[in-house]
């Protein structure tokens, strides 16, 4: 594993957090390959090999639909998010594929409330290194709590 590769993966994760925290949200699907998997899944289900997830998208088109639904159809109180991604560990699968595991936490701030922890867990990523740079082939957001707030409308 090279320092440059570690840096590139961390830059992709930083861009991921920046797009979700500060926008533009329309740029989020561009971080993924055309044929991809994105899911937010509880740790218990993941550990048991159960596929039930609270959010599941199986292509960039589905990610774009998610963005559109957040922007145009979902009614919710405005909020701010801050993603923290740490302890990035990488394993080379092949010349063009990598596996990355990292920890995450997402802090949510509503206009008239104190900040609170929205979600904590780990990212399990499979990345493709192609002509367009690094992109997510798979991103599994495995959250640690059994309970999930009903305010998860944005991707984690």
N, C-alpha and C. Protein backbone atom coordinates (compact mmCIF):
# COMPACT_ATOMS: atom_id res chain seq x y z
N UNK A 1 0.84 -1.17 0.00
CA UNK A 1 0.00 0.00 0.00
C UNK A 1 0.89 1.23 0.00
N UNK A 2 0.57 2.17 -0.86
CA UNK A 2 1.39 3.37 -0.95
C UNK A 2 0.74 4.52 -0.21
N UNK A 3 1.57 5.48 0.15
CA UNK A 3 1.08 6.69 0.80
C UNK A 3 0.16 7.45 -0.15
N UNK A 4 0.50 7.47 -1.44
CA UNK A 4 -0.33 8.16 -2.42
C UNK A 4 -1.72 7.54 -2.50
N UNK A 5 -1.79 6.22 -2.49
CA UNK A 5 -3.09 5.55 -2.55
C UNK A 5 -3.92 5.86 -1.30
N UNK A 6 -3.29 5.82 -0.15
CA UNK A 6 -3.98 6.18 1.10
C UNK A 6 -4.53 7.60 0.99
N UNK A 7 -3.72 8.52 0.49
CA UNK A 7 -4.13 9.92 0.34
C UNK A 7 -5.32 10.03 -0.61
N UNK A 8 -5.28 9.32 -1.73
CA UNK A 8 -6.37 9.38 -2.71
C UNK A 8 -7.69 8.87 -2.13
N UNK A 9 -7.62 7.79 -1.37
CA UNK A 9 -8.83 7.25 -0.74
C UNK A 9 -9.36 8.24 0.29
N UNK A 10 -8.48 8.80 1.09
CA UNK A 10 -8.92 9.77 2.09
C UNK A 10 -9.49 11.02 1.43
N UNK A 11 -8.96 11.42 0.29
CA UNK A 11 -9.51 12.57 -0.45
C UNK A 11 -10.91 12.26 -0.97
N UNK A 12 -11.14 11.05 -1.45
CA UNK A 12 -12.47 10.65 -1.90
C UNK A 12 -13.46 10.69 -0.74
N UNK A 13 -13.06 10.16 0.41
CA UNK A 13 -13.93 10.18 1.58
C UNK A 13 -14.19 11.61 2.06
N UNK A 14 -13.17 12.47 1.98
CA UNK A 14 -13.35 13.87 2.37
C UNK A 14 -14.32 14.57 1.41
N UNK A 15 -14.22 14.27 0.12
CA UNK A 15 -15.15 14.84 -0.87
C UNK A 15 -16.57 14.33 -0.60
N UNK A 16 -16.70 13.06 -0.27
CA UNK A 16 -17.99 12.46 0.07
C UNK A 16 -18.63 13.24 1.22
N UNK A 17 -17.87 13.46 2.29
CA UNK A 17 -18.38 14.18 3.45
C UNK A 17 -18.73 15.62 3.08
N UNK A 18 -17.89 16.27 2.31
CA UNK A 18 -18.11 17.67 1.94
C UNK A 18 -19.39 17.84 1.12
N UNK A 19 -19.62 16.94 0.18
CA UNK A 19 -20.82 17.02 -0.66
C UNK A 19 -22.08 16.81 0.17
N UNK A 20 -22.04 15.88 1.11
CA UNK A 20 -23.22 15.64 1.95
C UNK A 20 -23.42 16.75 2.98
N UNK A 21 -22.34 17.33 3.48
CA UNK A 21 -22.45 18.37 4.50
C UNK A 21 -22.78 19.74 3.91
N UNK A 22 -22.11 20.10 2.83
CA UNK A 22 -22.20 21.46 2.30
C UNK A 22 -22.74 21.55 0.88
N UNK A 23 -22.90 20.42 0.22
CA UNK A 23 -23.42 20.41 -1.14
C UNK A 23 -22.35 20.67 -2.18
N UNK A 24 -22.76 20.67 -3.40
CA UNK A 24 -24.12 20.42 -3.86
C UNK A 24 -24.45 18.93 -3.81
N UNK A 25 -25.61 18.61 -3.29
CA UNK A 25 -26.01 17.22 -3.14
C UNK A 25 -26.05 16.50 -4.49
N UNK A 26 -26.28 17.25 -5.57
CA UNK A 26 -26.33 16.65 -6.92
C UNK A 26 -24.99 16.01 -7.30
N UNK A 27 -23.91 16.41 -6.64
CA UNK A 27 -22.59 15.85 -6.94
C UNK A 27 -22.36 14.51 -6.26
N UNK A 28 -23.20 14.14 -5.29
CA UNK A 28 -23.02 12.89 -4.56
C UNK A 28 -23.02 11.66 -5.47
N UNK A 29 -23.98 11.49 -6.39
CA UNK A 29 -23.96 10.29 -7.24
C UNK A 29 -22.72 10.18 -8.12
N UNK A 30 -22.10 11.30 -8.45
CA UNK A 30 -20.90 11.29 -9.30
C UNK A 30 -19.72 10.59 -8.64
N UNK A 31 -19.79 10.41 -7.34
CA UNK A 31 -18.71 9.72 -6.61
C UNK A 31 -18.80 8.21 -6.77
N UNK A 32 -19.86 7.73 -7.41
CA UNK A 32 -20.13 6.30 -7.54
C UNK A 32 -20.00 5.86 -8.99
N UNK A 33 -19.64 4.60 -9.19
CA UNK A 33 -19.65 4.00 -10.52
C UNK A 33 -21.10 3.90 -11.00
N UNK A 34 -21.28 3.75 -12.29
CA UNK A 34 -22.64 3.65 -12.87
C UNK A 34 -23.40 2.47 -12.25
N UNK A 35 -22.78 1.30 -12.20
CA UNK A 35 -23.36 0.12 -11.55
C UNK A 35 -22.75 0.04 -10.16
N UNK A 36 -23.52 0.39 -9.16
CA UNK A 36 -22.98 0.46 -7.81
C UNK A 36 -24.02 -0.04 -6.81
N UNK A 37 -23.59 -0.14 -5.57
CA UNK A 37 -24.49 -0.50 -4.47
C UNK A 37 -24.24 0.47 -3.33
N UNK A 38 -25.31 1.07 -2.84
CA UNK A 38 -25.23 1.93 -1.66
C UNK A 38 -26.32 1.46 -0.71
N UNK A 39 -25.94 1.20 0.52
CA UNK A 39 -26.95 0.81 1.49
C UNK A 39 -26.59 1.31 2.88
N UNK A 40 -27.63 1.62 3.63
CA UNK A 40 -27.51 1.93 5.05
C UNK A 40 -28.17 0.77 5.76
N UNK A 41 -27.38 0.06 6.54
CA UNK A 41 -27.85 -1.21 7.12
C UNK A 41 -27.45 -1.29 8.60
N UNK A 42 -28.35 -1.79 9.45
CA UNK A 42 -27.98 -1.94 10.85
C UNK A 42 -26.92 -3.04 11.04
N UNK A 43 -26.09 -2.82 12.01
CA UNK A 43 -24.99 -3.77 12.28
C UNK A 43 -25.50 -5.19 12.51
N UNK A 44 -26.59 -5.33 13.24
CA UNK A 44 -27.14 -6.67 13.53
C UNK A 44 -27.48 -7.40 12.23
N UNK A 45 -28.15 -6.71 11.30
CA UNK A 45 -28.49 -7.35 10.03
C UNK A 45 -27.24 -7.68 9.23
N UNK A 46 -26.30 -6.76 9.18
CA UNK A 46 -25.07 -7.00 8.43
C UNK A 46 -24.32 -8.21 8.98
N UNK A 47 -24.15 -8.24 10.30
CA UNK A 47 -23.42 -9.34 10.94
C UNK A 47 -24.11 -10.69 10.73
N UNK A 48 -25.45 -10.68 10.64
CA UNK A 48 -26.21 -11.91 10.44
C UNK A 48 -26.36 -12.27 8.96
N UNK A 49 -25.81 -11.42 8.07
CA UNK A 49 -25.92 -11.69 6.64
C UNK A 49 -27.31 -11.42 6.08
N UNK A 50 -28.09 -10.63 6.79
CA UNK A 50 -29.44 -10.30 6.35
C UNK A 50 -29.40 -9.03 5.48
N UNK A 51 -30.09 -9.01 4.37
CA UNK A 51 -29.97 -7.89 3.43
C UNK A 51 -30.83 -6.67 3.74
N UNK A 52 -31.71 -6.73 4.74
CA UNK A 52 -32.63 -5.64 5.01
C UNK A 52 -31.88 -4.37 5.40
N UNK A 53 -32.08 -3.30 4.63
CA UNK A 53 -31.42 -2.03 4.86
C UNK A 53 -32.48 -0.93 4.90
N UNK A 54 -32.19 0.18 5.59
CA UNK A 54 -33.15 1.28 5.63
C UNK A 54 -33.05 2.16 4.39
N UNK A 55 -31.95 2.07 3.67
CA UNK A 55 -31.81 2.76 2.39
C UNK A 55 -30.96 1.86 1.50
N UNK A 56 -31.42 1.63 0.28
CA UNK A 56 -30.69 0.76 -0.65
C UNK A 56 -30.84 1.31 -2.07
N UNK A 57 -29.73 1.55 -2.71
CA UNK A 57 -29.71 2.00 -4.11
C UNK A 57 -28.74 1.09 -4.86
N UNK A 58 -29.16 0.64 -6.04
CA UNK A 58 -28.38 -0.34 -6.78
C UNK A 58 -27.82 0.19 -8.09
N UNK A 59 -27.82 1.51 -8.27
CA UNK A 59 -27.23 2.12 -9.46
C UNK A 59 -27.08 3.61 -9.22
N UNK A 60 -26.28 4.26 -10.05
CA UNK A 60 -26.14 5.71 -9.95
C UNK A 60 -27.50 6.38 -10.21
N UNK A 61 -28.29 5.82 -11.11
CA UNK A 61 -29.62 6.36 -11.38
C UNK A 61 -30.49 6.37 -10.13
N UNK A 62 -30.41 5.31 -9.33
CA UNK A 62 -31.19 5.26 -8.08
C UNK A 62 -30.67 6.30 -7.09
N UNK A 63 -29.35 6.55 -7.09
CA UNK A 63 -28.78 7.58 -6.22
C UNK A 63 -29.31 8.96 -6.65
N UNK A 64 -29.38 9.18 -7.96
CA UNK A 64 -29.90 10.45 -8.48
C UNK A 64 -31.38 10.62 -8.10
N UNK A 65 -32.14 9.53 -8.13
CA UNK A 65 -33.53 9.58 -7.69
C UNK A 65 -33.63 9.96 -6.21
N UNK A 66 -32.72 9.43 -5.41
CA UNK A 66 -32.70 9.75 -3.98
C UNK A 66 -32.45 11.24 -3.77
N UNK A 67 -31.48 11.78 -4.50
CA UNK A 67 -31.18 13.22 -4.42
C UNK A 67 -32.41 14.03 -4.80
N UNK A 68 -33.04 13.64 -5.89
CA UNK A 68 -34.23 14.36 -6.36
C UNK A 68 -35.35 14.30 -5.32
N UNK A 69 -35.53 13.15 -4.70
CA UNK A 69 -36.60 13.03 -3.69
C UNK A 69 -36.30 13.90 -2.47
N UNK A 70 -35.03 13.98 -2.08
CA UNK A 70 -34.66 14.84 -0.95
C UNK A 70 -34.93 16.30 -1.29
N UNK A 71 -34.59 16.69 -2.50
CA UNK A 71 -34.71 18.10 -2.89
C UNK A 71 -36.12 18.52 -3.26
N UNK A 72 -36.92 17.61 -3.82
CA UNK A 72 -38.18 18.03 -4.40
C UNK A 72 -39.43 17.51 -3.71
N UNK A 73 -39.34 16.34 -3.08
CA UNK A 73 -40.59 15.75 -2.60
C UNK A 73 -40.66 15.54 -1.10
N UNK A 74 -39.55 15.41 -0.45
CA UNK A 74 -39.59 15.14 0.99
C UNK A 74 -39.73 16.47 1.75
N UNK A 75 -40.68 16.52 2.67
CA UNK A 75 -40.88 17.69 3.50
C UNK A 75 -40.26 17.40 4.86
N UNK A 76 -39.32 18.25 5.26
CA UNK A 76 -38.65 18.05 6.53
C UNK A 76 -38.12 19.38 7.04
N UNK A 77 -37.84 19.42 8.32
CA UNK A 77 -37.26 20.63 8.91
C UNK A 77 -35.82 20.78 8.44
N UNK A 78 -35.42 21.98 8.06
CA UNK A 78 -34.03 22.18 7.61
C UNK A 78 -33.05 21.74 8.69
N UNK A 79 -31.92 21.23 8.25
CA UNK A 79 -30.92 20.72 9.19
C UNK A 79 -29.54 20.84 8.58
N UNK A 80 -28.54 20.77 9.43
CA UNK A 80 -27.15 20.76 8.99
C UNK A 80 -26.53 19.45 9.46
N UNK A 81 -25.68 18.89 8.63
CA UNK A 81 -24.97 17.65 8.97
C UNK A 81 -23.47 17.91 8.95
N UNK A 82 -22.74 17.18 9.78
CA UNK A 82 -21.28 17.17 9.77
C UNK A 82 -20.82 15.73 9.89
N UNK A 83 -20.15 15.26 8.85
CA UNK A 83 -19.59 13.91 8.82
C UNK A 83 -18.16 13.93 9.34
N UNK A 84 -17.82 12.95 10.15
CA UNK A 84 -16.44 12.75 10.61
C UNK A 84 -16.04 11.33 10.22
N UNK A 85 -14.99 11.23 9.43
CA UNK A 85 -14.53 9.92 8.93
C UNK A 85 -13.11 9.72 9.41
N UNK A 86 -12.87 8.60 10.09
CA UNK A 86 -11.55 8.36 10.70
C UNK A 86 -11.09 6.92 10.49
N UNK A 87 -9.84 6.69 10.86
CA UNK A 87 -9.24 5.34 10.89
C UNK A 87 -9.43 4.59 9.58
N UNK A 88 -9.06 5.23 8.48
CA UNK A 88 -9.23 4.64 7.15
C UNK A 88 -8.18 3.54 6.96
N UNK A 89 -8.66 2.34 6.66
CA UNK A 89 -7.78 1.20 6.42
C UNK A 89 -8.07 0.67 5.02
N UNK A 90 -7.02 0.40 4.25
CA UNK A 90 -7.17 0.03 2.84
C UNK A 90 -6.51 -1.32 2.60
N UNK A 91 -7.15 -2.09 1.72
CA UNK A 91 -6.59 -3.36 1.26
C UNK A 91 -6.75 -3.41 -0.26
N UNK A 92 -5.66 -3.67 -0.94
CA UNK A 92 -5.69 -3.76 -2.41
C UNK A 92 -6.28 -5.11 -2.80
N UNK A 93 -7.33 -5.09 -3.62
CA UNK A 93 -7.95 -6.32 -4.10
C UNK A 93 -7.37 -6.74 -5.45
N UNK A 94 -7.08 -5.75 -6.28
CA UNK A 94 -6.47 -5.97 -7.59
C UNK A 94 -5.88 -4.65 -8.04
N UNK A 95 -5.36 -4.60 -9.26
CA UNK A 95 -4.80 -3.34 -9.76
C UNK A 95 -5.83 -2.22 -9.77
N UNK A 96 -7.08 -2.55 -10.06
CA UNK A 96 -8.11 -1.53 -10.23
C UNK A 96 -9.13 -1.48 -9.10
N UNK A 97 -9.04 -2.39 -8.13
CA UNK A 97 -10.04 -2.43 -7.05
C UNK A 97 -9.37 -2.41 -5.68
N UNK A 98 -10.04 -1.68 -4.78
CA UNK A 98 -9.58 -1.55 -3.41
C UNK A 98 -10.74 -1.79 -2.47
N UNK A 99 -10.41 -2.15 -1.27
CA UNK A 99 -11.39 -2.26 -0.21
C UNK A 99 -10.95 -1.28 0.88
N UNK A 100 -11.87 -0.48 1.37
CA UNK A 100 -11.56 0.47 2.43
C UNK A 100 -12.58 0.33 3.55
N UNK A 101 -12.10 0.41 4.77
CA UNK A 101 -12.95 0.37 5.95
C UNK A 101 -12.61 1.61 6.77
N UNK A 102 -13.62 2.32 7.21
CA UNK A 102 -13.38 3.50 8.04
C UNK A 102 -14.53 3.66 9.03
N UNK A 103 -14.26 4.41 10.07
CA UNK A 103 -15.29 4.72 11.06
C UNK A 103 -15.93 6.05 10.67
N UNK A 104 -17.19 6.22 11.01
CA UNK A 104 -17.85 7.50 10.74
C UNK A 104 -18.74 7.88 11.92
N UNK A 105 -18.97 9.16 12.04
CA UNK A 105 -20.04 9.69 12.89
C UNK A 105 -20.65 10.87 12.15
N UNK A 106 -21.94 11.04 12.33
CA UNK A 106 -22.65 12.15 11.71
C UNK A 106 -23.36 12.92 12.81
N UNK A 107 -23.04 14.21 12.89
CA UNK A 107 -23.67 15.10 13.84
C UNK A 107 -24.74 15.88 13.10
N UNK A 108 -25.92 15.98 13.69
CA UNK A 108 -27.02 16.71 13.09
C UNK A 108 -27.35 17.93 13.95
N UNK A 109 -27.60 19.06 13.27
CA UNK A 109 -27.98 20.29 13.97
C UNK A 109 -29.27 20.81 13.35
N UNK A 110 -30.29 20.91 14.16
CA UNK A 110 -31.55 21.54 13.75
C UNK A 110 -31.47 23.01 14.18
N UNK A 111 -32.15 23.91 13.48
CA UNK A 111 -31.98 25.34 13.74
C UNK A 111 -32.16 25.76 15.20
N UNK A 112 -33.11 25.19 15.92
CA UNK A 112 -33.38 25.61 17.29
C UNK A 112 -33.00 24.55 18.32
N UNK A 113 -31.99 23.74 18.00
CA UNK A 113 -31.59 22.66 18.90
C UNK A 113 -30.08 22.59 19.04
N UNK A 114 -29.66 21.93 20.09
CA UNK A 114 -28.24 21.64 20.24
C UNK A 114 -27.85 20.52 19.29
N UNK A 115 -26.60 20.47 18.88
CA UNK A 115 -26.15 19.36 18.03
C UNK A 115 -26.34 18.02 18.75
N UNK A 116 -26.64 16.98 17.96
CA UNK A 116 -26.74 15.64 18.53
C UNK A 116 -26.18 14.62 17.51
N UNK A 117 -25.82 13.48 18.03
CA UNK A 117 -25.28 12.42 17.17
C UNK A 117 -26.45 11.77 16.43
N UNK A 118 -26.38 11.79 15.10
CA UNK A 118 -27.42 11.18 14.27
C UNK A 118 -27.12 9.70 14.05
N UNK A 119 -25.85 9.40 13.75
CA UNK A 119 -25.49 8.02 13.45
C UNK A 119 -23.99 7.81 13.66
N UNK A 120 -23.65 6.60 14.08
CA UNK A 120 -22.26 6.19 14.28
C UNK A 120 -22.10 4.77 13.75
N UNK A 121 -20.99 4.51 13.09
CA UNK A 121 -20.74 3.16 12.59
C UNK A 121 -19.49 3.10 11.75
N UNK A 122 -19.57 2.30 10.69
CA UNK A 122 -18.40 2.16 9.81
C UNK A 122 -18.84 2.12 8.36
N UNK A 123 -17.94 2.57 7.51
CA UNK A 123 -18.13 2.48 6.07
C UNK A 123 -17.35 1.27 5.58
N UNK A 124 -17.99 0.43 4.82
CA UNK A 124 -17.33 -0.69 4.16
C UNK A 124 -17.43 -0.41 2.66
N UNK A 125 -16.31 -0.05 2.07
CA UNK A 125 -16.30 0.42 0.68
C UNK A 125 -15.49 -0.49 -0.22
N UNK A 126 -15.98 -0.68 -1.43
CA UNK A 126 -15.21 -1.27 -2.51
C UNK A 126 -15.07 -0.16 -3.54
N UNK A 127 -13.83 0.14 -3.91
CA UNK A 127 -13.53 1.26 -4.79
C UNK A 127 -12.95 0.76 -6.09
N UNK A 128 -13.25 1.49 -7.15
CA UNK A 128 -12.70 1.20 -8.47
C UNK A 128 -11.81 2.36 -8.87
N UNK A 129 -10.61 2.05 -9.34
CA UNK A 129 -9.68 3.07 -9.79
C UNK A 129 -9.65 3.04 -11.31
N UNK A 130 -10.40 3.93 -11.93
CA UNK A 130 -10.52 3.93 -13.40
C UNK A 130 -10.10 5.26 -13.98
N UNK A 131 -10.53 5.48 -15.22
CA UNK A 131 -10.17 6.70 -15.93
C UNK A 131 -10.65 7.95 -15.21
N UNK A 132 -11.78 7.88 -14.58
CA UNK A 132 -12.33 9.04 -13.87
C UNK A 132 -11.82 9.17 -12.45
N UNK A 133 -10.80 8.40 -12.07
CA UNK A 133 -10.30 8.42 -10.70
C UNK A 133 -11.00 7.37 -9.86
N UNK A 134 -10.87 7.50 -8.56
CA UNK A 134 -11.50 6.56 -7.64
C UNK A 134 -13.00 6.83 -7.56
N UNK A 135 -13.78 5.75 -7.60
CA UNK A 135 -15.23 5.83 -7.43
C UNK A 135 -15.67 4.64 -6.57
N UNK A 136 -16.80 4.83 -5.91
CA UNK A 136 -17.37 3.76 -5.10
C UNK A 136 -18.11 2.77 -6.00
N UNK A 137 -17.74 1.50 -5.90
CA UNK A 137 -18.53 0.42 -6.50
C UNK A 137 -19.57 -0.05 -5.50
N UNK A 138 -19.16 -0.11 -4.25
CA UNK A 138 -20.07 -0.49 -3.15
C UNK A 138 -19.77 0.40 -1.97
N UNK A 139 -20.80 0.86 -1.33
CA UNK A 139 -20.66 1.60 -0.07
C UNK A 139 -21.73 1.11 0.86
N UNK A 140 -21.29 0.39 1.87
CA UNK A 140 -22.20 -0.09 2.91
C UNK A 140 -21.96 0.76 4.15
N UNK A 141 -23.01 1.43 4.57
CA UNK A 141 -22.97 2.22 5.79
C UNK A 141 -23.59 1.34 6.87
N UNK A 142 -22.74 0.81 7.73
CA UNK A 142 -23.19 -0.12 8.77
C UNK A 142 -23.26 0.65 10.08
N UNK A 143 -24.48 0.98 10.51
CA UNK A 143 -24.62 1.78 11.72
C UNK A 143 -24.73 0.85 12.93
N UNK A 144 -24.20 1.34 14.06
CA UNK A 144 -24.05 0.49 15.24
C UNK A 144 -25.30 0.35 16.09
N UNK A 145 -26.19 1.32 16.07
CA UNK A 145 -27.36 1.30 16.93
C UNK A 145 -28.46 0.42 16.34
N UNK A 146 -29.21 -0.20 17.20
CA UNK A 146 -30.37 -0.95 16.73
C UNK A 146 -31.48 0.03 16.34
N UNK A 147 -31.55 1.13 17.05
CA UNK A 147 -32.55 2.16 16.78
C UNK A 147 -32.00 3.13 15.74
N UNK A 148 -32.89 3.65 14.93
CA UNK A 148 -32.49 4.63 13.93
C UNK A 148 -33.53 5.75 13.95
N UNK A 149 -33.04 7.00 13.99
CA UNK A 149 -34.01 8.10 14.00
C UNK A 149 -34.77 8.18 12.68
N UNK A 150 -36.01 8.61 12.76
CA UNK A 150 -36.79 8.73 11.54
C UNK A 150 -36.37 9.94 10.71
N UNK A 151 -35.37 10.67 11.18
CA UNK A 151 -34.90 11.85 10.46
C UNK A 151 -33.79 11.52 9.46
N UNK A 152 -33.48 10.25 9.25
CA UNK A 152 -32.47 9.92 8.24
C UNK A 152 -33.13 10.02 6.87
N UNK A 153 -32.93 11.16 6.26
CA UNK A 153 -33.48 11.42 4.93
C UNK A 153 -32.36 11.59 3.93
N UNK A 154 -31.25 12.11 4.40
CA UNK A 154 -30.06 12.26 3.57
C UNK A 154 -29.25 10.97 3.63
N UNK A 155 -28.45 10.73 2.63
CA UNK A 155 -27.50 9.62 2.73
C UNK A 155 -26.55 9.87 3.91
N UNK A 156 -26.07 8.81 4.49
CA UNK A 156 -25.05 8.94 5.54
C UNK A 156 -23.70 8.78 4.88
